[in-house]
Amino acid sequence: MKLMVIGLGQCGSRIADEFVRLNKRSQSQWGINIITGTFAVNTDQTDLTGLSHIGSDYMHRILIGGRKTWGHGVGKINEMGAELAREDGDKVIDAIRTAPDFYHTHAFLLIAGGAGGTGSGAISIIAQMLKERYIGKPVYSLVVLPFEHEEMAELRSVYNTATCLKSIHSVADGVFLADNQRYVRKDASLAMNLQRINAAMVEPWYDLMCAGEISRYKHVGAKTLDAGDIMQSIDGWTTLGVGRAGIPRGFRFPWQLAKTSFKEKSDETLRAMQAMDAAVSELSVTCSAEDAGRALYLLSAPAKDMTMDIAKGLGDYLRELAENAVIRAGDFPRGGSSIDVTILLSQLAFVQKVRDYYDRASAFAQTQKERIKETTGRLRDMEDSAKGLPSLI
């Protein structure tokens, strides 16, 4: 599958930067492109300057709202981000057409942080523009949910996230949710945490995108998972995760290479089950697989370590977890010393995290209305008290 990636705001741009690194890896390892173009859109010039992999020209790093923000960002104001996207969104539309592989793009992926600012305000506006301009190409979004300390320190972040999620869910063909808090390491510095979190968010996409683009015969799966399968599996709220189980490699004589022991066969299947367990635990947002209407899994491992027993075991296991879902599956034979399982759950009927944001945002909006009403009343009382005083102007 080939994606065109557009990062919006600081958070979205830095994650989009990681997708460029992923594409360089696919070029080096397989000689293929899985990203047809990557663009960073922001109102803050400094944030755009800090990117590492996205092209440094103005067509790939797009500054919007220059006349109103003077390159200093919009703060945590969704409404301002949306307004600037309406005014300067054509810059994004014009830029993506310059990508050499634009017409090979299967879908667009818009990325933004939900806590507030350029990204959370602009993402639904840009998504609507893309859907109107390029009919037939799916528009997906990746919305990054704020850290717990951001939610506790400023309720405005909760309100921004809720309005962002509501807006993009009504426009995009699929909304990938990524909870920052699930990736946090307590013993790492802030910079290392953010860099590792961004890399962890894009890693599950790698095998999923490469599997259907490989042209080398020995790496083409018996059941190829191509772009059509993936697009048919994405709808509404979506989560993605990957799990890994190592394959022990000890010295063997040539006549010992074949696995004839029932214990060795059993261990292989067990490792695959462990990888799927890890993928479920590493899903990008907490949810119940029972709530999924669509599901997909991809088995990636050396060809000699993939068997029918493993494929059947994984399929049965996912069917138990997501009993109400339409399940698609595929395999990706490649080298290495691990068994990787990528899981995608989509069309989620209920996500507790999203429900919490909606409830808390509604309470916040009501509190703000009451506070404004109270403040207005006090100002009116002060003005009435000052009516009898002379003016110096």
Protein backbone atom coordinates (compact mmCIF):
# COMPACT_ATOMS: atom_id res chain seq x y z
CA MET A 1 0.00 0.00 0.00
CA LYS A 2 1.27 3.46 -0.88
CA LEU A 3 0.30 6.45 1.22
CA MET A 4 0.68 10.18 0.82
CA VAL A 5 1.36 11.55 4.29
CA ILE A 6 0.48 15.06 5.45
CA GLY A 7 1.52 16.12 8.96
CA LEU A 8 -0.37 19.04 10.51
CA GLY A 9 0.99 21.06 13.42
CA GLN A 10 4.06 20.21 15.47
CA CYS A 11 2.98 16.73 16.54
CA GLY A 12 1.68 15.71 13.12
CA SER A 13 4.74 17.03 11.29
CA ARG A 14 7.17 15.13 13.52
CA ILE A 15 5.30 11.86 13.08
CA ALA A 16 5.16 12.47 9.31
CA ASP A 17 8.95 12.92 9.52
CA GLU A 18 9.16 9.36 10.88
CA PHE A 19 7.22 8.06 7.87
CA VAL A 20 9.99 9.42 5.63
CA ARG A 21 12.48 7.39 7.67
CA LEU A 22 10.24 4.35 7.20
CA ASN A 23 10.22 4.88 3.43
CA LYS A 24 14.01 5.14 3.34
CA ARG A 25 14.12 1.82 5.16
CA SER A 26 11.83 0.17 2.60
CA GLN A 27 13.96 1.55 -0.24
CA SER A 28 17.11 0.15 1.34
CA GLN A 29 15.66 -3.23 2.32
CA TRP A 30 13.27 -3.96 -0.53
CA GLY A 31 13.92 -1.35 -3.23
CA ILE A 32 10.32 -0.05 -3.07
CA ASN A 33 8.51 3.14 -2.12
CA ILE A 34 5.65 2.90 0.35
CA ILE A 35 5.26 6.69 0.70
CA THR A 36 4.50 8.71 -2.43
CA GLY A 37 5.04 12.07 -0.74
CA THR A 38 5.37 13.60 2.72
CA PHE A 39 4.41 17.16 3.66
CA ALA A 40 4.54 19.13 6.90
CA VAL A 41 2.01 21.93 7.40
CA ASN A 42 2.29 24.38 10.29
CA THR A 43 1.80 27.96 11.39
CA ASP A 44 5.05 27.86 13.39
CA GLN A 45 8.20 28.39 11.34
CA THR A 46 10.53 27.12 14.09
CA ASP A 47 8.74 23.77 14.34
CA LEU A 48 9.08 23.26 10.58
CA THR A 49 12.79 24.03 10.78
CA GLY A 50 13.32 21.30 13.39
CA LEU A 51 12.34 18.38 11.09
CA SER A 52 15.03 15.90 10.06
CA HIS A 53 13.83 13.92 7.02
CA ILE A 54 11.12 15.88 5.18
CA GLY A 55 12.48 17.96 2.30
CA SER A 56 13.56 21.45 3.35
CA ASP A 57 11.97 23.24 0.37
CA TYR A 58 8.80 25.30 0.73
CA MET A 59 6.75 22.73 -1.21
CA HIS A 60 7.30 20.06 1.46
CA ARG A 61 7.38 22.32 4.53
CA ILE A 62 4.31 24.48 4.14
CA LEU A 63 3.86 27.55 6.32
CA ILE A 64 0.26 28.75 6.57
CA GLY A 65 -1.28 31.77 8.29
CA GLY A 66 1.85 33.89 7.93
CA ARG A 67 -0.07 37.17 7.76
CA LYS A 68 -1.93 36.45 11.00
CA THR A 69 0.55 34.47 13.10
CA TRP A 70 3.85 35.87 11.78
CA GLY A 71 5.31 32.37 12.01
CA HIS A 72 4.70 31.96 15.74
CA GLY A 73 1.86 29.39 15.82
CA VAL A 74 -1.72 29.68 17.08
CA GLY A 75 -1.39 28.29 20.60
CA LYS A 76 -4.10 25.86 21.75
CA ILE A 77 -6.90 27.43 19.72
CA ASN A 78 -8.61 24.95 17.40
CA GLU A 79 -10.81 27.61 15.86
CA MET A 80 -7.79 29.61 14.69
CA GLY A 81 -6.16 26.51 13.17
CA ALA A 82 -9.37 25.72 11.29
CA GLU A 83 -9.71 29.29 10.02
CA LEU A 84 -6.14 29.38 8.70
CA ALA A 85 -6.61 25.99 7.02
CA ARG A 86 -9.68 27.33 5.19
CA GLU A 87 -7.71 30.36 3.99
CA ASP A 88 -4.44 28.63 3.03
CA GLY A 89 -5.55 25.04 2.41
CA ASP A 90 -4.99 25.48 -1.34
CA LYS A 91 -1.26 25.61 -0.60
CA VAL A 92 -1.48 21.98 0.56
CA ILE A 93 -3.59 20.88 -2.41
CA ASP A 94 -1.15 22.51 -4.85
CA ALA A 95 1.90 21.05 -3.13
CA ILE A 96 0.80 17.40 -3.14
CA ARG A 97 0.34 17.46 -6.91
CA THR A 98 4.08 18.08 -7.26
CA ALA A 99 4.92 14.64 -5.80
CA PRO A 100 6.46 12.47 -8.57
CA ASP A 101 4.45 9.39 -7.56
CA PHE A 102 1.21 11.25 -6.84
CA TYR A 103 -0.91 9.13 -9.19
CA HIS A 104 0.35 5.91 -7.59
CA THR A 105 -1.11 6.97 -4.24
CA HIS A 106 -3.69 4.57 -2.82
CA ALA A 107 -4.82 6.82 0.05
CA PHE A 108 -4.04 9.98 1.99
CA LEU A 109 -3.00 9.91 5.65
CA LEU A 110 -3.41 13.12 7.67
CA ILE A 111 -1.68 13.26 11.06
CA ALA A 112 -2.28 15.67 13.93
CA GLY A 113 -2.15 15.93 17.70
CA GLY A 114 -5.57 16.35 19.25
CA ALA A 115 -4.64 18.55 22.21
CA GLY A 116 -5.13 21.81 20.35
CA GLY A 117 -3.57 24.20 17.88
CA THR A 118 -2.87 24.08 14.16
CA GLY A 119 -3.13 20.32 13.71
CA SER A 120 -6.30 19.58 15.64
CA GLY A 121 -8.08 22.56 14.09
CA ALA A 122 -6.90 22.06 10.51
CA ILE A 123 -7.11 18.30 10.06
CA SER A 124 -10.83 18.05 9.34
CA ILE A 125 -10.70 21.07 7.00
CA ILE A 126 -7.84 19.65 4.92
CA ALA A 127 -9.50 16.21 4.90
CA GLN A 128 -12.69 17.73 3.47
CA MET A 129 -10.69 19.57 0.79
CA LEU A 130 -8.95 16.35 -0.25
CA LYS A 131 -12.21 14.41 -0.44
CA GLU A 132 -13.80 17.10 -2.60
CA ARG A 133 -10.78 17.40 -4.90
CA TYR A 134 -9.76 13.73 -5.23
CA ILE A 135 -12.96 11.72 -5.31
CA GLY A 136 -12.40 7.99 -4.93
CA LYS A 137 -9.15 8.14 -2.94
CA PRO A 138 -9.69 7.31 0.76
CA VAL A 139 -8.66 9.92 3.30
CA TYR A 140 -7.47 8.46 6.61
CA SER A 141 -6.36 10.32 9.70
CA LEU A 142 -4.08 9.55 12.63
CA VAL A 143 -5.07 11.55 15.71
CA VAL A 144 -2.64 11.50 18.63
CA LEU A 145 -4.36 11.74 22.02
CA PRO A 146 -2.71 13.92 24.71
CA PHE A 147 -0.67 12.77 27.69
CA GLU A 148 -2.39 12.43 31.04
CA HIS A 149 -0.48 15.38 32.48
CA GLU A 150 -1.71 17.57 29.60
CA GLU A 151 -5.31 16.61 30.35
CA MET A 152 -4.90 17.30 34.06
CA ALA A 153 -3.07 20.60 33.64
CA GLU A 154 -5.43 22.14 31.11
CA LEU A 155 -9.02 21.06 30.49
CA ARG A 156 -8.91 23.04 27.26
CA SER A 157 -6.79 20.15 25.86
CA VAL A 158 -9.65 17.74 26.56
CA TYR A 159 -12.15 20.06 24.86
CA ASN A 160 -9.86 20.50 21.84
CA THR A 161 -9.37 16.74 21.51
CA ALA A 162 -13.11 16.08 21.67
CA THR A 163 -13.95 18.68 19.02
CA CYS A 164 -11.10 17.42 16.81
CA LEU A 165 -12.29 13.80 17.07
CA LYS A 166 -15.92 14.72 16.39
CA SER A 167 -14.98 16.79 13.34
CA ILE A 168 -12.58 14.34 11.72
CA HIS A 169 -14.80 11.30 12.36
CA SER A 170 -17.55 12.90 10.29
CA VAL A 171 -15.19 13.48 7.34
CA ALA A 172 -12.43 10.85 7.17
CA ASP A 173 -12.87 7.30 5.88
CA GLY A 174 -10.99 5.98 8.90
CA VAL A 175 -9.60 7.52 12.09
CA PHE A 176 -6.55 5.84 13.64
CA LEU A 177 -6.29 6.63 17.34
CA ALA A 178 -2.92 6.73 19.09
CA ASP A 179 -2.78 7.30 22.85
CA ASN A 180 0.47 9.01 23.82
CA GLN A 181 0.25 7.69 27.37
CA ARG A 182 0.51 4.04 26.23
CA TYR A 183 4.02 4.61 24.91
CA VAL A 184 5.53 6.52 27.84
CA ARG A 185 8.68 5.28 29.57
CA LYS A 186 9.17 6.70 33.05
CA ASP A 187 12.98 6.40 33.01
CA ALA A 188 13.61 8.29 29.76
CA SER A 189 14.15 11.99 29.19
CA LEU A 190 11.39 14.09 27.62
CA ALA A 191 13.16 14.37 24.26
CA MET A 192 13.96 10.65 24.15
CA ASN A 193 10.39 9.79 25.12
CA LEU A 194 8.88 11.89 22.35
CA GLN A 195 11.29 10.56 19.73
CA ARG A 196 10.68 6.96 20.79
CA ILE A 197 6.91 7.48 20.90
CA ASN A 198 6.85 8.91 17.37
CA ALA A 199 8.89 5.97 16.07
CA ALA A 200 6.69 3.46 17.91
CA MET A 201 3.53 4.95 16.36
CA VAL A 202 4.73 4.45 12.78
CA GLU A 203 6.46 1.07 13.20
CA PRO A 204 3.26 -1.06 12.89
CA TRP A 205 2.68 0.41 9.42
CA TYR A 206 5.92 -0.96 7.94
CA ASP A 207 5.16 -4.62 7.18
CA LEU A 208 1.52 -3.77 6.44
CA MET A 209 2.53 -1.38 3.68
CA CYS A 210 5.44 -3.42 2.32
CA ALA A 211 3.64 -6.77 2.04
CA GLY A 212 1.56 -5.82 -1.01
CA GLU A 213 4.27 -3.85 -2.84
CA ILE A 214 7.05 -6.47 -2.91
CA SER A 215 7.88 -7.72 -6.40
CA ARG A 216 10.50 -10.35 -5.51
CA TYR A 217 8.95 -13.78 -5.98
CA LYS A 218 10.29 -15.38 -2.80
CA HIS A 219 8.87 -12.59 -0.66
CA VAL A 220 5.36 -12.64 -2.12
CA GLY A 221 3.00 -14.25 0.37
CA ALA A 222 0.78 -17.24 -0.30
CA LYS A 223 -2.08 -14.91 0.68
CA THR A 224 -0.96 -11.42 -0.24
CA LEU A 225 -2.40 -8.55 1.75
CA ASP A 226 -2.59 -5.75 -0.78
CA ALA A 227 -3.94 -2.19 -0.73
CA GLY A 228 -7.47 -3.34 -1.56
CA ASP A 229 -7.61 -5.67 1.44
CA ILE A 230 -6.32 -2.95 3.75
CA MET A 231 -8.72 -0.29 2.49
CA GLN A 232 -11.66 -2.69 2.86
CA SER A 233 -10.61 -3.25 6.48
CA ILE A 234 -10.56 0.41 7.55
CA ASP A 235 -13.69 2.27 8.58
CA GLY A 236 -14.39 4.63 11.48
CA TRP A 237 -12.44 4.35 14.73
CA THR A 238 -9.34 2.20 14.13
CA THR A 239 -6.36 0.94 16.10
CA LEU A 240 -3.13 -0.73 14.99
CA GLY A 241 -0.42 -2.73 16.77
CA VAL A 242 2.47 -5.10 16.12
CA GLY A 243 3.92 -7.86 18.28
CA ARG A 244 7.17 -9.78 17.96
CA ALA A 245 8.49 -13.11 19.17
CA GLY A 246 12.11 -14.12 18.66
CA ILE A 247 13.11 -17.34 16.88
CA PRO A 248 16.00 -19.14 18.57
CA ARG A 249 18.79 -19.96 16.15
CA GLY A 250 21.25 -22.60 17.30
CA PHE A 251 23.81 -24.51 15.26
CA ARG A 252 22.42 -27.45 13.34
CA PHE A 253 23.91 -29.98 11.00
CA PRO A 254 22.35 -30.06 7.52
CA TRP A 255 20.46 -33.28 8.28
CA GLN A 256 18.94 -31.64 11.36
CA LEU A 257 17.42 -28.62 9.60
CA ALA A 258 14.01 -30.20 9.06
CA LYS A 259 11.72 -29.86 12.06
CA THR A 260 10.43 -33.36 12.76
CA SER A 261 9.87 -33.12 16.49
CA PHE A 262 6.29 -32.44 17.62
CA LYS A 263 7.76 -30.19 20.31
CA GLU A 264 9.50 -27.99 17.74
CA LYS A 265 6.28 -27.67 15.75
CA SER A 266 4.37 -26.82 18.91
CA ASP A 267 6.96 -24.21 19.91
CA GLU A 268 6.61 -22.50 16.51
CA THR A 269 2.85 -22.15 16.91
CA LEU A 270 3.27 -20.97 20.49
CA ARG A 271 5.69 -18.24 19.39
CA ALA A 272 3.16 -17.00 16.83
CA MET A 273 0.47 -16.89 19.52
CA GLN A 274 2.84 -14.93 21.76
CA ALA A 275 3.44 -12.43 18.94
CA MET A 276 -0.31 -11.95 18.50
CA ASP A 277 -0.74 -11.48 22.26
CA ALA A 278 1.98 -8.82 22.14
CA ALA A 279 0.26 -7.11 19.20
CA VAL A 280 -3.03 -6.94 21.10
CA SER A 281 -1.29 -5.48 24.17
CA GLU A 282 0.53 -2.92 21.96
CA LEU A 283 -2.57 -1.61 20.19
CA SER A 284 -2.38 2.16 19.84
CA VAL A 285 -5.45 2.77 22.02
CA THR A 286 -7.19 0.73 24.70
CA CYS A 287 -10.28 -0.98 23.29
CA SER A 288 -12.14 -4.29 23.22
CA ALA A 289 -11.71 -6.49 20.14
CA GLU A 290 -15.32 -7.57 20.59
CA ASP A 291 -16.40 -4.08 19.51
CA ALA A 292 -14.62 -4.32 16.14
CA GLY A 293 -16.67 -4.73 12.97
CA ARG A 294 -13.57 -5.32 10.81
CA ALA A 295 -10.21 -6.86 11.64
CA LEU A 296 -7.01 -7.77 9.86
CA TYR A 297 -3.81 -9.58 10.75
CA LEU A 298 -0.53 -10.00 8.91
CA LEU A 299 2.01 -12.72 9.71
CA SER A 300 5.60 -11.72 8.88
CA ALA A 301 8.36 -14.30 9.35
CA PRO A 302 11.00 -16.31 7.47
CA ALA A 303 9.25 -18.56 4.94
CA LYS A 304 10.49 -21.76 6.58
CA ASP A 305 8.96 -20.72 9.91
CA MET A 306 5.43 -20.17 8.53
CA THR A 307 3.14 -23.18 8.45
CA MET A 308 -0.57 -23.88 7.94
CA ASP A 309 -0.83 -24.69 11.64
CA ILE A 310 0.40 -21.21 12.53
CA ALA A 311 -1.95 -19.50 10.06
CA LYS A 312 -4.91 -21.52 11.34
CA GLY A 313 -3.98 -20.90 14.96
CA LEU A 314 -3.72 -17.13 14.45
CA GLY A 315 -7.00 -17.02 12.54
CA ASP A 316 -8.84 -18.99 15.23
CA TYR A 317 -7.34 -16.85 17.98
CA LEU A 318 -8.37 -13.57 16.36
CA ARG A 319 -11.84 -14.97 15.70
CA GLU A 320 -12.19 -15.63 19.43
CA LEU A 321 -11.09 -12.08 20.24
CA ALA A 322 -13.12 -10.30 17.54
CA GLU A 323 -16.05 -12.61 17.09
CA ASN A 324 -18.24 -9.97 15.45
CA ALA A 325 -15.68 -8.79 12.90
CA VAL A 326 -15.11 -9.52 9.24
CA ILE A 327 -11.52 -10.78 9.33
CA ARG A 328 -8.91 -10.55 6.57
CA ALA A 329 -5.50 -12.17 6.80
CA GLY A 330 -2.22 -12.32 4.93
CA ASP A 331 1.38 -13.50 5.17
CA PHE A 332 4.67 -11.84 4.34
CA PRO A 333 7.65 -14.21 3.98
CA ARG A 334 10.87 -12.35 4.70
CA GLY A 335 14.19 -12.90 6.43
CA GLY A 336 15.10 -12.14 10.00
CA SER A 337 15.03 -14.00 13.29
CA SER A 338 11.55 -13.14 14.56
CA ILE A 339 7.88 -13.77 13.99
CA ASP A 340 5.93 -10.51 13.73
CA VAL A 341 2.16 -10.22 13.82
CA THR A 342 0.44 -6.95 12.86
CA ILE A 343 -3.17 -6.49 13.97
CA LEU A 344 -5.65 -3.86 12.79
CA LEU A 345 -9.06 -3.47 14.47
CA SER A 346 -11.52 -1.12 12.81
CA GLN A 347 -15.15 -0.06 12.75
CA LEU A 348 -14.97 0.02 16.55
CA ALA A 349 -18.46 0.53 17.96
CA PHE A 350 -17.18 1.83 21.29
CA VAL A 351 -13.91 3.37 22.46
CA GLN A 352 -13.92 4.31 26.16
CA LYS A 353 -11.23 6.96 25.70
CA VAL A 354 -13.27 8.79 23.07
CA ARG A 355 -16.43 8.60 25.19
CA ASP A 356 -14.52 10.09 28.15
CA TYR A 357 -13.33 13.01 26.02
CA TYR A 358 -16.86 13.75 24.84
CA ASP A 359 -18.30 13.65 28.38
CA ARG A 360 -15.56 15.80 29.90
CA ALA A 361 -15.65 18.29 27.02
CA SER A 362 -19.41 18.74 27.41
CA ALA A 363 -18.96 19.46 31.12
CA PHE A 364 -16.12 21.90 30.32
CA ALA A 365 -18.24 23.76 27.75
CA GLN A 366 -21.10 24.13 30.23
CA THR A 367 -18.73 25.41 32.91
CA GLN A 368 -17.27 27.95 30.49
CA LYS A 369 -20.74 29.26 29.61
CA GLU A 370 -21.60 29.74 33.27
CA ARG A 371 -18.26 31.45 33.92
CA ILE A 372 -18.73 33.86 31.01
CA LYS A 373 -22.25 34.66 32.21
CA GLU A 374 -20.97 35.34 35.73
CA THR A 375 -18.09 37.49 34.47
CA THR A 376 -20.41 39.51 32.23
CA GLY A 377 -22.72 40.15 35.19
CA ARG A 378 -19.85 41.40 37.35
CA LEU A 379 -18.58 43.71 34.60
CA ARG A 380 -22.08 45.15 34.20
CA ASP A 381 -22.28 45.82 37.94
CA MET A 382 -18.89 47.60 37.87
CA GLU A 383 -19.95 49.75 34.92
CA ASP A 384 -23.18 50.72 36.71
CA SER A 385 -21.16 51.73 39.78
CA ALA A 386 -18.90 53.95 37.66
CA LYS A 387 -21.65 55.87 35.88
CA GLY A 388 -21.60 58.71 38.40
CA LEU A 389 -17.85 59.36 38.05
CA PRO A 390 -16.48 62.09 35.74
CA SER A 391 -14.39 61.08 32.71
CA LEU A 392 -10.91 62.50 32.10
CA ILE A 393 -11.13 62.04 28.33
